[in-house]
């Protein structure tokens, strides 16, 4: 007898997720600031990365507040919230993103936060690794593939 999760009962991981456009823009700003910081890991680059992370944190805080609020709640007959990651209103602007890209972006943001709060060789190496992984899974803007 098996205990735990049964493979036939597990939900497959989505291939793509809907992400709020403005959240994706803030993540792109973190990516650009990361590239700058990795090119020259001095204080100006660190400050630019910190500013991008703070903007992203503001958006995620607004999304968390919207999710927790009664506004546009299913209790009042609206469709359930959280169908779009990072939504802050009932009518989010969404774009579809491969799930593996979103996971790599989350890893990059975590590594970037570690790099600005505890700068050092290990956090810089982790940031460089997360940036490399994201570059390997992210579609190129020229081809869209």
Foldseek 3Di string as FASTA:
>chain_A
DDDDDDPVPDDDDDQKAKAFPVLVVLLVQLLVLLVVCLVPVDDVSLVSNVVSLVVNVVLQVLQVVQLPDCVQPVVVVHDHPDSHHSDNDSDGDIDMDGPQLVVLSVQLSVLSVCCSVPNDDVSSVSNVVSSVSNVVPDDDPVVSD
